[in-house]
Amino acid sequence: REVLYSGWEPVIIAMAISSVGGLILDKTVSDPNFAGMAVFTPVINGVGGNLVAVQASRISTFLHMNGMPGENSEQTPRRCPSPCTTFFSPDVNSRSARVLFLLVVPGHLVFLYTISCMQGGH
């Protein structure tokens, strides 16, 4: 019950972002000027999703190593952390979040360059 109570905000926000992204993709693909845009969509969504999966795995491993199931640790936050806490605190999860955040742009550039070299969507 506690996990459902404290973990609904990120799920709802992710669903909203995904729905808006789908609406934007639908409008873009129907426009003849952007007919090749559908090729880039899995890459744009996939890179960010994979990096978030890595961060979520790191956080769950951190929680698993620092406590037993069912115990309430003092290190475990009682609510969703703010973006400032997530990126600028001195702990190890914050450092990995900064590194993964800095990998987003180079990752996108590599994949988008590869697609454009292969003339995907044209």
PDB file of N, CA and C in Angstrom:
ATOM      1  N   ARG A   1       0.816  -1.192   0.000  1.00  0.00           N
ATOM      2  CA  ARG A   1       0.000   0.000   0.000  1.00  0.00           C
ATOM      3  C   ARG A   1       0.864   1.261   0.000  1.00  0.00           C
ATOM      4  N   GLU A   2       1.948   1.219   0.762  1.00  0.00           N
ATOM      5  CA  GLU A   2       2.824   2.392   0.845  1.00  0.00           C
ATOM      6  C   GLU A   2       3.503   2.686  -0.498  1.00  0.00           C
ATOM      7  N   VAL A   3       3.925   1.638  -1.203  1.00  0.00           N
ATOM      8  CA  VAL A   3       4.562   1.831  -2.512  1.00  0.00           C
ATOM      9  C   VAL A   3       3.577   2.435  -3.499  1.00  0.00           C
ATOM     10  N   LEU A   4       2.347   1.952  -3.499  1.00  0.00           N
ATOM     11  CA  LEU A   4       1.346   2.519  -4.405  1.00  0.00           C
ATOM     12  C   LEU A   4       1.026   3.964  -4.055  1.00  0.00           C
ATOM     13  N   TYR A   5       0.998   4.275  -2.765  1.00  0.00           N
ATOM     14  CA  TYR A   5       0.691   5.638  -2.344  1.00  0.00           C
ATOM     15  C   TYR A   5       1.798   6.616  -2.718  1.00  0.00           C
ATOM     16  N   SER A   6       3.042   6.212  -2.555  1.00  0.00           N
ATOM     17  CA  SER A   6       4.146   7.134  -2.806  1.00  0.00           C
ATOM     18  C   SER A   6       4.678   7.078  -4.237  1.00  0.00           C
ATOM     19  N   GLY A   7       4.324   6.073  -5.016  1.00  0.00           N
ATOM     20  CA  GLY A   7       4.903   5.923  -6.344  1.00  0.00           C
ATOM     21  C   GLY A   7       3.992   6.237  -7.504  1.00  0.00           C
ATOM     22  N   TRP A   8       2.838   6.810  -7.271  1.00  0.00           N
ATOM     23  CA  TRP A   8       1.909   7.055  -8.367  1.00  0.00           C
ATOM     24  C   TRP A   8       2.271   8.285  -9.190  1.00  0.00           C
ATOM     25  N   GLU A   9       2.929   9.275  -8.602  1.00  0.00           N
ATOM     26  CA  GLU A   9       3.248  10.503  -9.327  1.00  0.00           C
ATOM     27  C   GLU A   9       4.128  10.262 -10.550  1.00  0.00           C
ATOM     28  N   PRO A  10       5.264   9.534 -10.434  1.00  0.00           N
ATOM     29  CA  PRO A  10       6.076   9.311 -11.636  1.00  0.00           C
ATOM     30  C   PRO A  10       5.352   8.511 -12.716  1.00  0.00           C
ATOM     31  N   VAL A  11       4.500   7.587 -12.312  1.00  0.00           N
ATOM     32  CA  VAL A  11       3.770   6.780 -13.297  1.00  0.00           C
ATOM     33  C   VAL A  11       2.772   7.643 -14.061  1.00  0.00           C
ATOM     34  N   ILE A  12       2.050   8.479 -13.356  1.00  0.00           N
ATOM     35  CA  ILE A  12       1.068   9.351 -14.015  1.00  0.00           C
ATOM     36  C   ILE A  12       1.768  10.355 -14.929  1.00  0.00           C
ATOM     37  N   ILE A  13       2.874  10.920 -14.481  1.00  0.00           N
ATOM     38  CA  ILE A  13       3.617  11.878 -15.307  1.00  0.00           C
ATOM     39  C   ILE A  13       4.163  11.190 -16.559  1.00  0.00           C
ATOM     40  N   ALA A  14       4.693   9.977 -16.410  1.00  0.00           N
ATOM     41  CA  ALA A  14       5.206   9.242 -17.573  1.00  0.00           C
ATOM     42  C   ALA A  14       4.085   8.925 -18.563  1.00  0.00           C
ATOM     43  N   MET A  15       2.919   8.570 -18.056  1.00  0.00           N
ATOM     44  CA  MET A  15       1.785   8.299 -18.945  1.00  0.00           C
ATOM     45  C   MET A  15       1.355   9.560 -19.688  1.00  0.00           C
ATOM     46  N   ALA A  16       1.356  10.690 -19.007  1.00  0.00           N
ATOM     47  CA  ALA A  16       0.972  11.942 -19.655  1.00  0.00           C
ATOM     48  C   ALA A  16       1.973  12.333 -20.740  1.00  0.00           C
ATOM     49  N   ILE A  17       3.257  12.208 -20.429  1.00  0.00           N
ATOM     50  CA  ILE A  17       4.282  12.536 -21.424  1.00  0.00           C
ATOM     51  C   ILE A  17       4.179  11.617 -22.632  1.00  0.00           C
ATOM     52  N   SER A  18       3.957  10.335 -22.387  1.00  0.00           N
ATOM     53  CA  SER A  18       3.822   9.378 -23.481  1.00  0.00           C
ATOM     54  C   SER A  18       2.607   9.686 -24.341  1.00  0.00           C
ATOM     55  N   SER A  19       1.501  10.054 -23.712  1.00  0.00           N
ATOM     56  CA  SER A  19       0.290  10.369 -24.474  1.00  0.00           C
ATOM     57  C   SER A  19       0.488  11.615 -25.329  1.00  0.00           C
ATOM     58  N   VAL A  20       1.107  12.641 -24.770  1.00  0.00           N
ATOM     59  CA  VAL A  20       1.363  13.861 -25.538  1.00  0.00           C
ATOM     60  C   VAL A  20       2.323  13.560 -26.692  1.00  0.00           C
ATOM     61  N   GLY A  21       3.337  12.741 -26.433  1.00  0.00           N
ATOM     62  CA  GLY A  21       4.260  12.348 -27.503  1.00  0.00           C
ATOM     63  C   GLY A  21       3.556  11.610 -28.627  1.00  0.00           C
ATOM     64  N   GLY A  22       2.615  10.759 -28.276  1.00  0.00           N
ATOM     65  CA  GLY A  22       1.836  10.054 -29.303  1.00  0.00           C
ATOM     66  C   GLY A  22       0.982  10.992 -30.130  1.00  0.00           C
ATOM     67  N   LEU A  23       0.374  11.978 -29.488  1.00  0.00           N
ATOM     68  CA  LEU A  23      -0.430  12.952 -30.225  1.00  0.00           C
ATOM     69  C   LEU A  23       0.439  13.780 -31.170  1.00  0.00           C
ATOM     70  N   ILE A  24       1.601  14.175 -30.702  1.00  0.00           N
ATOM     71  CA  ILE A  24       2.519  14.938 -31.553  1.00  0.00           C
ATOM     72  C   ILE A  24       2.979  14.095 -32.731  1.00  0.00           C
ATOM     73  N   LEU A  25       3.299  12.826 -32.481  1.00  0.00           N
ATOM     74  CA  LEU A  25       3.714  11.940 -33.569  1.00  0.00           C
ATOM     75  C   LEU A  25       2.595  11.762 -34.581  1.00  0.00           C
ATOM     76  N   ASP A  26       1.368  11.618 -34.112  1.00  0.00           N
ATOM     77  CA  ASP A  26       0.241  11.453 -35.025  1.00  0.00           C
ATOM     78  C   ASP A  26       0.076  12.670 -35.924  1.00  0.00           C
ATOM     79  N   LYS A  27       0.183  13.858 -35.360  1.00  0.00           N
ATOM     80  CA  LYS A  27       0.080  15.084 -36.169  1.00  0.00           C
ATOM     81  C   LYS A  27       1.252  15.215 -37.143  1.00  0.00           C
ATOM     82  N   THR A  28       2.442  14.809 -36.696  1.00  0.00           N
ATOM     83  CA  THR A  28       3.637  14.944 -37.527  1.00  0.00           C
ATOM     84  C   THR A  28       3.605  13.988 -38.711  1.00  0.00           C
ATOM     85  N   VAL A  29       3.232  12.745 -38.477  1.00  0.00           N
ATOM     86  CA  VAL A  29       3.246  11.739 -39.545  1.00  0.00           C
ATOM     87  C   VAL A  29       2.195  12.059 -40.597  1.00  0.00           C
ATOM     88  N   SER A  30       1.077  12.656 -40.196  1.00  0.00           N
ATOM     89  CA  SER A  30       0.036  12.978 -41.171  1.00  0.00           C
ATOM     90  C   SER A  30       0.399  14.170 -42.050  1.00  0.00           C
ATOM     91  N   ASP A  31       1.396  14.973 -41.655  1.00  0.00           N
ATOM     92  CA  ASP A  31       1.846  16.116 -42.452  1.00  0.00           C
ATOM     93  C   ASP A  31       2.838  15.632 -43.508  1.00  0.00           C
ATOM     94  N   PRO A  32       2.597  15.896 -44.800  1.00  0.00           N
ATOM     95  CA  PRO A  32       3.518  15.414 -45.846  1.00  0.00           C
ATOM     96  C   PRO A  32       4.932  15.976 -45.743  1.00  0.00           C
ATOM     97  N   ASN A  33       5.094  17.135 -45.136  1.00  0.00           N
ATOM     98  CA  ASN A  33       6.430  17.708 -44.994  1.00  0.00           C
ATOM     99  C   ASN A  33       7.308  16.924 -44.016  1.00  0.00           C
ATOM    100  N   PHE A  34       6.686  16.181 -43.118  1.00  0.00           N
ATOM    101  CA  PHE A  34       7.421  15.428 -42.104  1.00  0.00           C
ATOM    102  C   PHE A  34       7.191  13.930 -42.239  1.00  0.00           C
ATOM    103  N   ALA A  35       7.084  13.439 -43.466  1.00  0.00           N
ATOM    104  CA  ALA A  35       6.768  12.025 -43.683  1.00  0.00           C
ATOM    105  C   ALA A  35       7.865  11.106 -43.154  1.00  0.00           C
ATOM    106  N   GLY A  36       9.115  11.515 -43.170  1.00  0.00           N
ATOM    107  CA  GLY A  36      10.209  10.671 -42.709  1.00  0.00           C
ATOM    108  C   GLY A  36      10.443  10.715 -41.208  1.00  0.00           C
ATOM    109  N   MET A  37       9.654  11.477 -40.480  1.00  0.00           N
ATOM    110  CA  MET A  37       9.857  11.648 -39.043  1.00  0.00           C
ATOM    111  C   MET A  37       9.588  10.370 -38.256  1.00  0.00           C
ATOM    112  N   ALA A  38       8.743   9.492 -38.736  1.00  0.00           N
ATOM    113  CA  ALA A  38       8.395   8.273 -37.995  1.00  0.00           C
ATOM    114  C   ALA A  38       9.605   7.372 -37.792  1.00  0.00           C
ATOM    115  N   VAL A  39      10.602   7.456 -38.659  1.00  0.00           N
ATOM    116  CA  VAL A  39      11.802   6.639 -38.515  1.00  0.00           C
ATOM    117  C   VAL A  39      12.608   7.057 -37.291  1.00  0.00           C
ATOM    118  N   PHE A  40      12.591   8.327 -36.964  1.00  0.00           N
ATOM    119  CA  PHE A  40      13.398   8.840 -35.863  1.00  0.00           C
ATOM    120  C   PHE A  40      12.733   8.646 -34.492  1.00  0.00           C
ATOM    121  N   THR A  41      11.451   8.407 -34.456  1.00  0.00           N
ATOM    122  CA  THR A  41      10.719   8.338 -33.195  1.00  0.00           C
ATOM    123  C   THR A  41      11.201   7.242 -32.257  1.00  0.00           C
ATOM    124  N   PRO A  42      11.395   6.002 -32.711  1.00  0.00           N
ATOM    125  CA  PRO A  42      11.879   4.978 -31.763  1.00  0.00           C
ATOM    126  C   PRO A  42      13.234   5.318 -31.153  1.00  0.00           C
ATOM    127  N   VAL A  43      14.092   5.952 -31.919  1.00  0.00           N
ATOM    128  CA  VAL A  43      15.405   6.317 -31.393  1.00  0.00           C
ATOM    129  C   VAL A  43      15.269   7.414 -30.343  1.00  0.00           C
ATOM    130  N   ILE A  44      14.498   8.429 -30.643  1.00  0.00           N
ATOM    131  CA  ILE A  44      14.338   9.546 -29.716  1.00  0.00           C
ATOM    132  C   ILE A  44      13.707   9.070 -28.412  1.00  0.00           C
ATOM    133  N   ASN A  45      12.704   8.230 -28.491  1.00  0.00           N
ATOM    134  CA  ASN A  45      12.066   7.721 -27.282  1.00  0.00           C
ATOM    135  C   ASN A  45      12.911   6.648 -26.611  1.00  0.00           C
ATOM    136  N   GLY A  46      13.594   5.836 -27.380  1.00  0.00           N
ATOM    137  CA  GLY A  46      14.332   4.709 -26.825  1.00  0.00           C
ATOM    138  C   GLY A  46      15.560   5.087 -26.033  1.00  0.00           C
ATOM    139  N   VAL A  47      16.311   6.073 -26.490  1.00  0.00           N
ATOM    140  CA  VAL A  47      17.543   6.461 -25.792  1.00  0.00           C
ATOM    141  C   VAL A  47      17.219   6.962 -24.390  1.00  0.00           C
ATOM    142  N   GLY A  48      16.266   7.858 -24.275  1.00  0.00           N
ATOM    143  CA  GLY A  48      15.884   8.368 -22.964  1.00  0.00           C
ATOM    144  C   GLY A  48      15.310   7.274 -22.074  1.00  0.00           C
ATOM    145  N   GLY A  49      14.480   6.408 -22.657  1.00  0.00           N
ATOM    146  CA  GLY A  49      13.895   5.322 -21.883  1.00  0.00           C
ATOM    147  C   GLY A  49      14.931   4.338 -21.368  1.00  0.00           C
ATOM    148  N   ASN A  50      15.917   4.037 -22.182  1.00  0.00           N
ATOM    149  CA  ASN A  50      16.971   3.121 -21.745  1.00  0.00           C
ATOM    150  C   ASN A  50      17.817   3.729 -20.636  1.00  0.00           C
ATOM    151  N   LEU A  51      18.121   5.012 -20.729  1.00  0.00           N
ATOM    152  CA  LEU A  51      18.907   5.659 -19.675  1.00  0.00           C
ATOM    153  C   LEU A  51      18.131   5.732 -18.363  1.00  0.00           C
ATOM    154  N   VAL A  52      16.832   5.954 -18.444  1.00  0.00           N
ATOM    155  CA  VAL A  52      16.008   5.950 -17.231  1.00  0.00           C
ATOM    156  C   VAL A  52      15.949   4.552 -16.635  1.00  0.00           C
ATOM    157  N   ALA A  53      15.903   3.523 -17.471  1.00  0.00           N
ATOM    158  CA  ALA A  53      15.906   2.149 -16.961  1.00  0.00           C
ATOM    159  C   ALA A  53      17.209   1.839 -16.226  1.00  0.00           C
ATOM    160  N   VAL A  54      18.322   2.349 -16.728  1.00  0.00           N
ATOM    161  CA  VAL A  54      19.605   2.155 -16.049  1.00  0.00           C
ATOM    162  C   VAL A  54      19.584   2.837 -14.683  1.00  0.00           C
ATOM    163  N   GLN A  55      19.067   4.068 -14.628  1.00  0.00           N
ATOM    164  CA  GLN A  55      19.016   4.789 -13.352  1.00  0.00           C
ATOM    165  C   GLN A  55      18.075   4.091 -12.372  1.00  0.00           C
ATOM    166  N   ALA A  56      16.927   3.630 -12.827  1.00  0.00           N
ATOM    167  CA  ALA A  56      15.994   2.930 -11.939  1.00  0.00           C
ATOM    168  C   ALA A  56      16.612   1.641 -11.409  1.00  0.00           C
ATOM    169  N   SER A  57      17.367   0.950 -12.250  1.00  0.00           N
ATOM    170  CA  SER A  57      18.048  -0.257 -11.801  1.00  0.00           C
ATOM    171  C   SER A  57      19.102   0.060 -10.753  1.00  0.00           C
ATOM    172  N   ARG A  58      19.833   1.147 -10.940  1.00  0.00           N
ATOM    173  CA  ARG A  58      20.846   1.562  -9.959  1.00  0.00           C
ATOM    174  C   ARG A  58      20.204   1.913  -8.620  1.00  0.00           C
ATOM    175  N   ILE A  59      19.086   2.616  -8.667  1.00  0.00           N
ATOM    176  CA  ILE A  59      18.414   2.999  -7.424  1.00  0.00           C
ATOM    177  C   ILE A  59      17.885   1.767  -6.696  1.00  0.00           C
ATOM    178  N   SER A  60      17.279   0.839  -7.439  1.00  0.00           N
ATOM    179  CA  SER A  60      16.749  -0.358  -6.779  1.00  0.00           C
ATOM    180  C   SER A  60      17.871  -1.217  -6.209  1.00  0.00           C
ATOM    181  N   THR A  61      19.009  -1.292  -6.890  1.00  0.00           N
ATOM    182  CA  THR A  61      20.150  -2.029  -6.346  1.00  0.00           C
ATOM    183  C   THR A  61      20.682  -1.354  -5.089  1.00  0.00           C
ATOM    184  N   PHE A  62      20.734  -0.025  -5.100  1.00  0.00           N
ATOM    185  CA  PHE A  62      21.168   0.730  -3.927  1.00  0.00           C
ATOM    186  C   PHE A  62      20.244   0.455  -2.734  1.00  0.00           C
ATOM    187  N   LEU A  63      18.947   0.478  -2.971  1.00  0.00           N
ATOM    188  CA  LEU A  63      18.002   0.213  -1.892  1.00  0.00           C
ATOM    189  C   LEU A  63      18.108  -1.223  -1.401  1.00  0.00           C
ATOM    190  N   HIS A  64      18.329  -2.157  -2.303  1.00  0.00           N
ATOM    191  CA  HIS A  64      18.456  -3.562  -1.926  1.00  0.00           C
ATOM    192  C   HIS A  64      19.709  -3.802  -1.085  1.00  0.00           C
ATOM    193  N   MET A  65      20.792  -3.120  -1.424  1.00  0.00           N
ATOM    194  CA  MET A  65      22.044  -3.310  -0.689  1.00  0.00           C
ATOM    195  C   MET A  65      22.018  -2.652   0.692  1.00  0.00           C
ATOM    196  N   ASN A  66      21.213  -1.615   0.868  1.00  0.00           N
ATOM    197  CA  ASN A  66      21.231  -0.854   2.114  1.00  0.00           C
ATOM    198  C   ASN A  66      20.094  -1.183   3.070  1.00  0.00           C
ATOM    199  N   GLY A  67      19.340  -2.213   2.837  1.00  0.00           N
ATOM    200  CA  GLY A  67      18.262  -2.545   3.757  1.00  0.00           C
ATOM    201  C   GLY A  67      17.642  -3.883   3.439  1.00  0.00           C
ATOM    202  N   MET A  68      16.927  -4.393   4.394  1.00  0.00           N
ATOM    203  CA  MET A  68      16.198  -5.645   4.218  1.00  0.00           C
ATOM    204  C   MET A  68      14.771  -5.332   3.787  1.00  0.00           C
ATOM    205  N   PRO A  69      14.154  -6.220   3.009  1.00  0.00           N
ATOM    206  CA  PRO A  69      12.759  -5.983   2.612  1.00  0.00           C
ATOM    207  C   PRO A  69      11.856  -5.873   3.839  1.00  0.00           C
ATOM    208  N   GLY A  70      11.001  -4.880   3.835  1.00  0.00           N
ATOM    209  CA  GLY A  70      10.081  -4.666   4.933  1.00  0.00           C
ATOM    210  C   GLY A  70      10.598  -3.733   6.001  1.00  0.00           C
ATOM    211  N   GLU A  71      11.887  -3.447   6.008  1.00  0.00           N
ATOM    212  CA  GLU A  71      12.449  -2.522   6.988  1.00  0.00           C
ATOM    213  C   GLU A  71      12.390  -1.110   6.441  1.00  0.00           C
ATOM    214  N   ASN A  72      12.232  -0.160   7.335  1.00  0.00           N
ATOM    215  CA  ASN A  72      12.219   1.246   6.935  1.00  0.00           C
ATOM    216  C   ASN A  72      13.556   1.858   7.307  1.00  0.00           C
ATOM    217  N   SER A  73      14.336   2.214   6.313  1.00  0.00           N
ATOM    218  CA  SER A  73      15.658   2.778   6.539  1.00  0.00           C
ATOM    219  C   SER A  73      15.570   4.293   6.657  1.00  0.00           C
ATOM    220  N   GLU A  74      16.518   4.885   7.357  1.00  0.00           N
ATOM    221  CA  GLU A  74      16.572   6.338   7.466  1.00  0.00           C
ATOM    222  C   GLU A  74      16.991   6.972   6.141  1.00  0.00           C
ATOM    223  N   GLN A  75      17.706   6.210   5.275  1.00  0.00           N
ATOM    224  CA  GLN A  75      18.150   6.753   3.994  1.00  0.00           C
ATOM    225  C   GLN A  75      17.027   6.775   2.963  1.00  0.00           C
ATOM    226  N   THR A  76      15.977   6.020   3.182  1.00  0.00           N
ATOM    227  CA  THR A  76      14.894   5.936   2.221  1.00  0.00           C
ATOM    228  C   THR A  76      14.021   7.182   2.324  1.00  0.00           C
ATOM    229  N   PRO A  77      13.854   7.927   1.219  1.00  0.00           N
ATOM    230  CA  PRO A  77      13.023   9.130   1.285  1.00  0.00           C
ATOM    231  C   PRO A  77      11.551   8.770   1.468  1.00  0.00           C
ATOM    232  N   ARG A  78      10.798   9.625   2.112  1.00  0.00           N
ATOM    233  CA  ARG A  78       9.380   9.385   2.377  1.00  0.00           C
ATOM    234  C   ARG A  78       8.504   9.835   1.212  1.00  0.00           C
ATOM    235  N   ARG A  79       9.037  10.617   0.299  1.00  0.00           N
ATOM    236  CA  ARG A  79       8.263  11.065  -0.848  1.00  0.00           C
ATOM    237  C   ARG A  79       9.195  11.236  -2.037  1.00  0.00           C
ATOM    238  N   CYS A  80       8.626  11.568  -3.175  1.00  0.00           N
ATOM    239  CA  CYS A  80       9.392  11.714  -4.414  1.00  0.00           C
ATOM    240  C   CYS A  80      10.368  12.886  -4.280  1.00  0.00           C
ATOM    241  N   PRO A  81      11.657  12.683  -4.599  1.00  0.00           N
ATOM    242  CA  PRO A  81      12.624  13.780  -4.456  1.00  0.00           C
ATOM    243  C   PRO A  81      12.439  14.840  -5.534  1.00  0.00           C
ATOM    244  N   SER A  82      12.872  16.036  -5.238  1.00  0.00           N
ATOM    245  CA  SER A  82      12.782  17.130  -6.198  1.00  0.00           C
ATOM    246  C   SER A  82      13.892  16.984  -7.239  1.00  0.00           C
ATOM    247  N   PRO A  83      13.762  17.627  -8.405  1.00  0.00           N
ATOM    248  CA  PRO A  83      14.824  17.567  -9.411  1.00  0.00           C
ATOM    249  C   PRO A  83      16.161  18.101  -8.903  1.00  0.00           C
ATOM    250  N   CYS A  84      16.129  19.129  -8.061  1.00  0.00           N
ATOM    251  CA  CYS A  84      17.384  19.666  -7.510  1.00  0.00           C
ATOM    252  C   CYS A  84      18.079  18.630  -6.639  1.00  0.00           C
ATOM    253  N   THR A  85      17.329  17.921  -5.823  1.00  0.00           N
ATOM    254  CA  THR A  85      17.903  16.868  -4.989  1.00  0.00           C
ATOM    255  C   THR A  85      18.435  15.729  -5.847  1.00  0.00           C
ATOM    256  N   THR A  86      17.706  15.394  -6.898  1.00  0.00           N
ATOM    257  CA  THR A  86      18.102  14.275  -7.750  1.00  0.00           C
ATOM    258  C   THR A  86      19.427  14.536  -8.445  1.00  0.00           C
ATOM    259  N   PHE A  87      19.646  15.744  -8.943  1.00  0.00           N
ATOM    260  CA  PHE A  87      20.840  16.015  -9.736  1.00  0.00           C
ATOM    261  C   PHE A  87      21.986  16.667  -8.970  1.00  0.00           C
ATOM    262  N   PHE A  88      21.720  17.347  -7.884  1.00  0.00           N
ATOM    263  CA  PHE A  88      22.767  18.146  -7.253  1.00  0.00           C
ATOM    264  C   PHE A  88      23.149  17.721  -5.845  1.00  0.00           C
ATOM    265  N   SER A  89      22.631  16.626  -5.347  1.00  0.00           N
ATOM    266  CA  SER A  89      23.065  16.158  -4.024  1.00  0.00           C
ATOM    267  C   SER A  89      24.376  15.385  -4.176  1.00  0.00           C
ATOM    268  N   PRO A  90      25.127  15.198  -3.103  1.00  0.00           N
ATOM    269  CA  PRO A  90      26.444  14.545  -3.211  1.00  0.00           C
ATOM    270  C   PRO A  90      26.410  13.010  -3.236  1.00  0.00           C
ATOM    271  N   ASP A  91      25.239  12.384  -3.160  1.00  0.00           N
ATOM    272  CA  ASP A  91      25.215  10.922  -3.083  1.00  0.00           C
ATOM    273  C   ASP A  91      25.489  10.262  -4.441  1.00  0.00           C
ATOM    274  N   VAL A  92      25.699   8.954  -4.406  1.00  0.00           N
ATOM    275  CA  VAL A  92      26.121   8.215  -5.597  1.00  0.00           C
ATOM    276  C   VAL A  92      25.019   8.164  -6.659  1.00  0.00           C
ATOM    277  N   ASN A  93      23.757   8.098  -6.258  1.00  0.00           N
ATOM    278  CA  ASN A  93      22.669   8.074  -7.238  1.00  0.00           C
ATOM    279  C   ASN A  93      22.560   9.399  -7.982  1.00  0.00           C
ATOM    280  N   SER A  94      22.862  10.488  -7.313  1.00  0.00           N
ATOM    281  CA  SER A  94      22.845  11.791  -7.961  1.00  0.00           C
ATOM    282  C   SER A  94      23.963  11.906  -8.991  1.00  0.00           C
ATOM    283  N   ARG A  95      25.117  11.372  -8.657  1.00  0.00           N
ATOM    284  CA  ARG A  95      26.251  11.411  -9.597  1.00  0.00           C
ATOM    285  C   ARG A  95      25.934  10.598 -10.851  1.00  0.00           C
ATOM    286  N   SER A  96      25.347   9.419 -10.673  1.00  0.00           N
ATOM    287  CA  SER A  96      25.005   8.608 -11.848  1.00  0.00           C
ATOM    288  C   SER A  96      23.902   9.265 -12.660  1.00  0.00           C
ATOM    289  N   ALA A  97      22.975   9.971 -12.014  1.00  0.00           N
ATOM    290  CA  ALA A  97      21.931  10.688 -12.753  1.00  0.00           C
ATOM    291  C   ALA A  97      22.536  11.782 -13.620  1.00  0.00           C
ATOM    292  N   ARG A  98      23.540  12.492 -13.087  1.00  0.00           N
ATOM    293  CA  ARG A  98      24.202  13.540 -13.880  1.00  0.00           C
ATOM    294  C   ARG A  98      24.932  12.942 -15.081  1.00  0.00           C
ATOM    295  N   VAL A  99      25.616  11.825 -14.887  1.00  0.00           N
ATOM    296  CA  VAL A  99      26.338  11.187 -15.997  1.00  0.00           C
ATOM    297  C   VAL A  99      25.362  10.716 -17.066  1.00  0.00           C
ATOM    298  N   LEU A 100      24.284  10.067 -16.658  1.00  0.00           N
ATOM    299  CA  LEU A 100      23.301   9.586 -17.631  1.00  0.00           C
ATOM    300  C   LEU A 100      22.629  10.751 -18.352  1.00  0.00           C
ATOM    301  N   PHE A 101      22.381  11.835 -17.637  1.00  0.00           N
ATOM    302  CA  PHE A 101      21.787  13.016 -18.265  1.00  0.00           C
ATOM    303  C   PHE A 101      22.722  13.595 -19.327  1.00  0.00           C
ATOM    304  N   LEU A 102      24.019  13.581 -19.056  1.00  0.00           N
ATOM    305  CA  LEU A 102      24.985  14.087 -20.033  1.00  0.00           C
ATOM    306  C   LEU A 102      25.168  13.141 -21.223  1.00  0.00           C
ATOM    307  N   LEU A 103      24.753  11.886 -21.092  1.00  0.00           N
ATOM    308  CA  LEU A 103      24.837  10.935 -22.201  1.00  0.00           C
ATOM    309  C   LEU A 103      23.670  11.057 -23.181  1.00  0.00           C
ATOM    310  N   VAL A 104      22.620  11.763 -22.814  1.00  0.00           N
ATOM    311  CA  VAL A 104      21.435  11.844 -23.672  1.00  0.00           C
ATOM    312  C   VAL A 104      21.763  12.497 -25.010  1.00  0.00           C
ATOM    313  N   VAL A 105      22.362  13.662 -24.984  1.00  0.00           N
ATOM    314  CA  VAL A 105      22.621  14.394 -26.234  1.00  0.00           C
ATOM    315  C   VAL A 105      23.605  13.649 -27.137  1.00  0.00           C
ATOM    316  N   PRO A 106      24.767  13.183 -26.646  1.00  0.00           N
ATOM    317  CA  PRO A 106      25.644  12.424 -27.544  1.00  0.00           C
ATOM    318  C   PRO A 106      25.001  11.146 -28.067  1.00  0.00           C
ATOM    319  N   GLY A 107      24.215  10.489 -27.232  1.00  0.00           N
ATOM    320  CA  GLY A 107      23.523   9.273 -27.689  1.00  0.00           C
ATOM    321  C   GLY A 107      22.551   9.564 -28.808  1.00  0.00           C
ATOM    322  N   HIS A 108      21.773  10.621 -28.653  1.00  0.00           N
ATOM    323  CA  HIS A 108      20.844  11.004 -29.714  1.00  0.00           C
ATOM    324  C   HIS A 108      21.583  11.389 -30.988  1.00  0.00           C
ATOM    325  N   LEU A 109      22.655  12.139 -30.854  1.00  0.00           N
ATOM    326  CA  LEU A 109      23.393  12.568 -32.038  1.00  0.00           C
ATOM    327  C   LEU A 109      23.969  11.392 -32.814  1.00  0.00           C
ATOM    328  N   VAL A 110      24.495  10.401 -32.118  1.00  0.00           N
ATOM    329  CA  VAL A 110      25.048   9.213 -32.793  1.00  0.00           C
ATOM    330  C   VAL A 110      23.962   8.478 -33.558  1.00  0.00           C
ATOM    331  N   PHE A 111      22.822   8.236 -32.899  1.00  0.00           N
ATOM    332  CA  PHE A 111      21.757   7.497 -33.573  1.00  0.00           C
ATOM    333  C   PHE A 111      21.126   8.289 -34.702  1.00  0.00           C
ATOM    334  N   LEU A 112      20.923   9.581 -34.505  1.00  0.00           N
ATOM    335  CA  LEU A 112      20.335  10.389 -35.566  1.00  0.00           C
ATOM    336  C   LEU A 112      21.274  10.521 -36.760  1.00  0.00           C
ATOM    337  N   TYR A 113      22.568  10.625 -36.510  1.00  0.00           N
ATOM    338  CA  TYR A 113      23.535  10.664 -37.597  1.00  0.00           C
ATOM    339  C   TYR A 113      23.529   9.345 -38.371  1.00  0.00           C
ATOM    340  N   THR A 114      23.451   8.233 -37.662  1.00  0.00           N
ATOM    341  CA  THR A 114      23.407   6.922 -38.325  1.00  0.00           C
ATOM    342  C   THR A 114      22.166   6.786 -39.198  1.00  0.00           C
ATOM    343  N   ILE A 115      21.033   7.211 -38.703  1.00  0.00           N
ATOM    344  CA  ILE A 115      19.801   7.132 -39.497  1.00  0.00           C
ATOM    345  C   ILE A 115      19.891   8.039 -40.717  1.00  0.00           C
ATOM    346  N   SER A 116      20.417   9.239 -40.536  1.00  0.00           N
ATOM    347  CA  SER A 116      20.504  10.144 -41.678  1.00  0.00           C
ATOM    348  C   SER A 116      21.500   9.645 -42.715  1.00  0.00           C
ATOM    349  N   CYS A 117      22.602   8.983 -42.279  1.00  0.00           N
ATOM    350  CA  CYS A 117      23.557   8.408 -43.224  1.00  0.00           C
ATOM    351  C   CYS A 117      22.928   7.271 -44.031  1.00  0.00           C
ATOM    352  N   MET A 118      22.053   6.520 -43.387  1.00  0.00           N
ATOM    353  CA  MET A 118      21.375   5.423 -44.072  1.00  0.00           C
ATOM    354  C   MET A 118      20.167   5.911 -44.858  1.00  0.00           C
ATOM    355  N   GLN A 119      19.929   7.224 -44.822  1.00  0.00           N
ATOM    356  CA  GLN A 119      18.814   7.878 -45.485  1.00  0.00           C
ATOM    357  C   GLN A 119      17.479   7.246 -45.083  1.00  0.00           C
ATOM    358  N   GLY A 120      17.336   7.022 -43.785  1.00  0.00           N
ATOM    359  CA  GLY A 120      16.088   6.476 -43.267  1.00  0.00           C
ATOM    360  C   GLY A 120      14.953   7.475 -43.415  1.00  0.00           C
ATOM    361  N   GLY A 121      13.829   6.996 -43.855  1.00  0.00           N
ATOM    362  CA  GLY A 121      12.663   7.864 -44.005  1.00  0.00           C
ATOM    363  C   GLY A 121      12.615   8.612 -45.315  1.00  0.00           C
ATOM    364  N   HIS A 122      13.573   8.408 -46.218  1.00  0.00           N
ATOM    365  CA  HIS A 122      13.583   9.145 -47.493  1.00  0.00           C
ATOM    366  C   HIS A 122      13.635   8.166 -48.645  1.00  0.00           C
TER     367      HIS A 122
END
